[in-house]
Every structure is written in structure tokens, then in C-alpha cells.
Amino acid sequence: MSGFGAKAYQSVAVASAVGSADPHRMTLLLYDAAIEAIRLAQAHMGTRRITAKCEAIGKALRIVEEGLKASVDRDAGGHLAVKLVSLYDYITMRLLQANLRNDRKALEEACTLLSDLRSAWAQIGTNASRARAA
């Protein structure tokens, strides 16, 4: 498949997944996209492609701020929601530091935190599915 064809296929696949996703699955997709953007930024940082690195980190920042953080229900989540928003703020700060300073450790820390959150979120979905099936 050509580069253009592969990108078009991927775009359609992502659009299909997003269009049919429930809120839980949508959050997993946001985590996946943010983690992928960070990994891409790491690769660009390693090859000194500064513009591409900045774009990838910018994408991760938008996902964290406009997707993950914005979707936290602070009323229903109470204290846990406040802590989660604080964690998203910290991840945002580390991404900004990584971008400004070419800080690989900050980028890795943001990726690790998002990966841990994604794993926990996936486990919540698995447990909820089991409870519904019982």
C-alpha cells in the first residue's frame, strides 16, 4: 500500500472507531493517541527534527488538555476527579518542559503516566464488563 493509501486507510479506521465508540472506549482512544504522539515526538527528538517534534508534542498537549482533562466530570468525580485534573496539569507541564528543553526524561515521564492511566482505565472497563455479564 502506498504511503498515501496507508494514511487514508488509517484515517478511515480511526474515524470508524471514534464514531462507534462509547465514552469509555473514546477515553481509551484518547490515551492511545496521546501516547502515540509522545512516542513520535521521542523519535523526532532523536533525529533532531525540531518542527516535527513540536507538532507531535502539541498534538499530545491538545489531547491531554482538550480531550482527557476536559472530559473529567468534576461534579460526579469529587476528590478523585480533582486529583486526576491535577495529574493532567502535571503531565501538561512535563510535555511543555520536554518541548522547550528537549528533555527526554520529561517526555518519558509523561508517556509513563499516560500509559499507567490508560492501563487503569482499561481495567475499569474490563471489570465493568464482567459485572454486567454476571
Protein backbone atom coordinates (compact mmCIF):
# COMPACT_ATOMS: atom_id res chain seq x y z
CA MET A 1 0.00 0.00 0.00
CA SER A 2 1.36 3.43 -0.84
CA GLY A 3 2.09 5.98 1.89
CA PHE A 4 -0.99 7.98 0.91
CA GLY A 5 -3.17 4.85 0.80
CA ALA A 6 -1.95 3.69 4.20
CA LYS A 7 -2.69 7.11 5.73
CA ALA A 8 -6.14 7.20 4.16
CA TYR A 9 -6.90 3.69 5.45
CA GLN A 10 -5.68 4.63 8.93
CA SER A 11 -7.78 7.80 8.90
CA VAL A 12 -10.92 5.86 7.96
CA ALA A 13 -10.17 3.20 10.59
CA VAL A 14 -9.72 5.83 13.30
CA ALA A 15 -12.84 7.72 12.23
CA SER A 16 -14.83 4.47 12.32
CA ALA A 17 -13.52 3.60 15.78
CA VAL A 18 -14.31 7.06 17.11
CA GLY A 19 -17.76 7.19 15.51
CA SER A 20 -18.85 3.93 17.11
CA ALA A 21 -17.06 4.30 20.47
CA ASP A 22 -18.84 4.53 23.79
CA PRO A 23 -17.44 7.11 26.26
CA HIS A 24 -15.20 4.52 27.92
CA ARG A 25 -13.74 3.39 24.60
CA MET A 26 -13.36 7.02 23.49
CA THR A 27 -11.18 7.72 26.52
CA LEU A 28 -9.00 4.72 25.67
CA LEU A 29 -8.64 6.07 22.12
CA LEU A 30 -7.57 9.45 23.53
CA TYR A 31 -4.95 7.79 25.73
CA ASP A 32 -3.69 5.76 22.77
CA ALA A 33 -3.44 8.85 20.56
CA ALA A 34 -1.59 10.88 23.22
CA ILE A 35 0.86 8.05 23.88
CA GLU A 36 1.45 7.59 20.15
CA ALA A 37 2.07 11.33 19.71
CA ILE A 38 4.63 11.27 22.53
CA ARG A 39 6.40 8.27 21.02
CA LEU A 40 6.50 10.09 17.70
CA ALA A 41 7.94 13.16 19.44
CA GLN A 42 10.61 10.96 21.02
CA ALA A 43 11.60 9.65 17.61
CA HIS A 44 11.72 13.16 16.15
CA MET A 45 13.76 14.37 19.12
CA GLY A 46 16.25 11.60 18.46
CA THR A 47 16.66 12.61 14.81
CA ARG A 48 16.69 16.35 15.58
CA ARG A 49 13.54 17.09 13.57
CA ILE A 50 12.52 20.01 15.74
CA THR A 51 9.42 21.12 13.84
CA ALA A 52 8.01 17.59 13.73
CA LYS A 53 8.83 17.11 17.44
CA CYS A 54 6.99 20.32 18.31
CA GLU A 55 3.97 19.27 16.26
CA ALA A 56 3.83 15.84 17.92
CA ILE A 57 4.13 17.29 21.42
CA GLY A 58 1.50 19.89 20.52
CA LYS A 59 -0.85 17.09 19.49
CA ALA A 60 -0.25 15.27 22.79
CA LEU A 61 -0.87 18.51 24.70
CA ARG A 62 -4.17 19.12 22.90
CA ILE A 63 -5.33 15.57 23.60
CA VAL A 64 -4.49 15.84 27.30
CA GLU A 65 -5.99 19.32 27.72
CA GLU A 66 -8.94 19.33 25.31
CA GLY A 67 -9.79 15.65 25.41
CA LEU A 68 -8.80 13.89 28.63
CA LYS A 69 -8.83 16.77 31.11
CA ALA A 70 -11.91 18.42 29.61
CA SER A 71 -13.87 15.16 29.87
CA VAL A 72 -13.38 14.77 33.62
CA ASP A 73 -16.73 15.12 35.38
CA ARG A 74 -15.67 17.12 38.41
CA ASP A 75 -19.14 17.10 39.96
CA ALA A 76 -19.60 13.34 39.82
CA GLY A 77 -15.92 12.50 40.43
CA GLY A 78 -15.42 14.52 43.59
CA HIS A 79 -11.97 14.32 45.15
CA LEU A 80 -10.76 11.71 42.65
CA ALA A 81 -11.67 14.00 39.74
CA VAL A 82 -9.75 16.88 41.33
CA LYS A 83 -6.67 14.66 41.70
CA LEU A 84 -6.99 13.44 38.11
CA VAL A 85 -7.20 17.01 36.79
CA SER A 86 -4.08 17.85 38.83
CA LEU A 87 -2.29 14.89 37.28
CA TYR A 88 -3.29 16.02 33.79
CA ASP A 89 -1.95 19.50 34.66
CA TYR A 90 1.34 17.91 35.72
CA ILE A 91 1.54 15.89 32.50
CA THR A 92 0.89 19.08 30.53
CA MET A 93 3.71 20.83 32.38
CA ARG A 94 6.12 17.95 31.67
CA LEU A 95 5.19 17.97 27.98
CA LEU A 96 5.84 21.71 27.81
CA GLN A 97 9.20 21.25 29.55
CA ALA A 98 10.09 18.44 27.16
CA ASN A 99 9.30 20.66 24.22
CA LEU A 100 11.16 23.73 25.49
CA ARG A 101 14.24 21.93 26.77
CA ASN A 102 14.36 18.85 24.50
CA ASP A 103 14.05 16.94 27.76
CA ARG A 104 13.78 13.22 27.01
CA LYS A 105 13.14 12.36 30.67
CA ALA A 106 10.15 14.71 30.83
CA LEU A 107 8.75 13.16 27.66
CA GLU A 108 9.27 9.65 29.01
CA GLU A 109 7.64 10.57 32.33
CA ALA A 110 4.57 11.96 30.55
CA CYS A 111 4.35 8.81 28.45
CA THR A 112 4.67 6.55 31.50
CA LEU A 113 1.98 8.44 33.42
CA LEU A 114 -0.43 8.31 30.49
CA SER A 115 0.31 4.61 29.95
CA ASP A 116 -0.40 3.89 33.61
CA LEU A 117 -3.66 5.85 33.46
CA ARG A 118 -4.62 4.04 30.26
CA SER A 119 -3.98 0.65 31.89
CA ALA A 120 -6.11 1.57 34.89
CA TRP A 121 -8.90 2.87 32.63
CA ALA A 122 -8.80 -0.33 30.56
CA GLN A 123 -9.04 -2.41 33.75
CA ILE A 124 -12.10 -0.43 34.86
CA GLY A 125 -13.78 -1.32 31.56
CA THR A 126 -12.89 -5.00 31.93
CA ASN A 127 -14.29 -5.10 35.46
CA ALA A 128 -17.47 -3.30 34.42
CA SER A 129 -17.99 -5.76 31.53
CA ARG A 130 -17.58 -8.70 33.89
CA ALA A 131 -20.05 -7.19 36.36
CA ARG A 132 -22.65 -6.70 33.60
CA ALA A 133 -22.18 -10.27 32.39
CA ALA A 134 -22.66 -11.74 35.87
